[in-house]
Amino acid sequence: MTTGQLRDLASHPHQLKRLVELSVTLNSTLDLDNLLQLITATATELLDCEASSILLYDEKDKRLFFAAATGSNPEELAKIPVPLDSSLAGTIFLTNQPIILSNVENDPRHFPLVSDQIQLKVKTLLGVPMPIKDRTVGVLEAVNKRTGVFDEHDASLLAVAAAHAAIAINNARLLRATQKALERVKESDLLKSNFLALASHELRTPLNIIMGYSTVLKEDSKGELSDHASQVFTAARQMRSILDEMNNLAILKSDEMLLKLQKVPMEDVLVFACEEFHDIAAARKQSLVYDFADEAHVVNVDIDKTAQAFGNILSNALRFSPEGTDITIGVRKDGNQVLSWVQDQGIGIPTDKLEKIFEEFYQIEPPNTRHYGGLGIGLTIARGLIDAEGGKIWAESQGKGTGSTFKVLLPGAPHPN
């Protein structure tokens, strides 16, 4: 999608608003059947045409098949094989280029079996590829423009919808495949590790595409439409943060993590870790308070990974603490070691859960009544990073409503010259 095409879309605010709404909705569900129906219905509305359809590529049989079409039975459509080498959809898929036709019946590539199935005579057609990263996963088609014929603006509009649809469908497929695998091997640590690595890798680039589109839409629009685009960007950024956590956990479990140890004052590491949280704290009227002694306390650590561990602790402290409260970050010498801590005034931790909170995917709240977000792996990652550096991490709390203190003990080191 070129800048010119995006600006062309920006000149049609109603259609642009529907694209943003589509993106928001696609990001809120991972049910594949619902996604397919939503995409075809939205495409039909956006282009003011009689019908639209989605054809996906079958890796096993090396062919396209109809996954959804307006007003049709998807199970019956899926039985119709669509050849790659002698169909309009196959041409779009193989060339990765859109096709606009004003007289479909005269084109030898027209595949009449589908028209017979859905009982719709196809006169005009617009088809675009559905790209994700460097591959094409299918084709999105619209047929029979109600007024006039399809044009380049329609192609630009459908291309944006197809790009978002490809990402959503890929995510839903990935989730569905993972759910099936988890049903077969529920207790497999290897399966969880592979899923974390695959999901964090495969979803990162599509999320960047969403963030890029939403940024352009936000800059080129005003009012409610700009707010919608901002919501898309914020949601994508939150998901990317989750993917970062998933990737970090996968690296920890694979024993592939490399440490770059440096002698550095622990105070500097903590200030570095706090930098990205000042704006978040300010928005919640919270304060990050340093409790440092006059003397620097030097440790031999990987600065980035130690800061990341404390970042995960700080993120929890801010999320689970009321507005207007303080988060205290402190450092003291403890024999030959350096003790650091993050103390909050939040919801507290039941004493029998002080160890369990470091387990993978563990959440204190029941899954159906949760008030706080997160996957439950931030503290798992923090413990893995601190353990890898020869340190120790634990939590202290008197129970519900009493706040929490997370303490980290790291080996001390001579002061750098």
Foldseek 3Di string as FASTA:
>chain_A
DDPVLLLLVLVVVVLLLLLLVLLVVLLVDLAQVVLQVSLFVSLCVSQVFDKKWWWFADPVVRFIFTCDMPPADNVVRRVDTQHLPQAPFNVCQVVQAKDWAQAQVPDRSHDCPVCVRNVHDFGIKIKGFQDADPHTGTMMMGTGRPPDGDDPSSNSSSRSSSPSSSLSNVSSVLVVVLVVVCVVPVPDPVSLLVSLQVCLVRNQRSLVVLLVSLVSQLVSDDDPSNVSSVVSNVSSVVVNVQSVLSNLVSCLVVVVDDWDWDKDFVVVLQVVLCVVCPVVLVVLQEEEAEDEDPDTFIATGRSVLLSLLVNLVVVVQSQFAHRNWYWYWYWDDDPQKIKIKIWHQGFWAAPVCFVVLLDFQDDPDDPVDDPTDDRSHSSVSSQSRLVVQVKGWTKDTPHTRRTIMIMIIGGTDPHDD
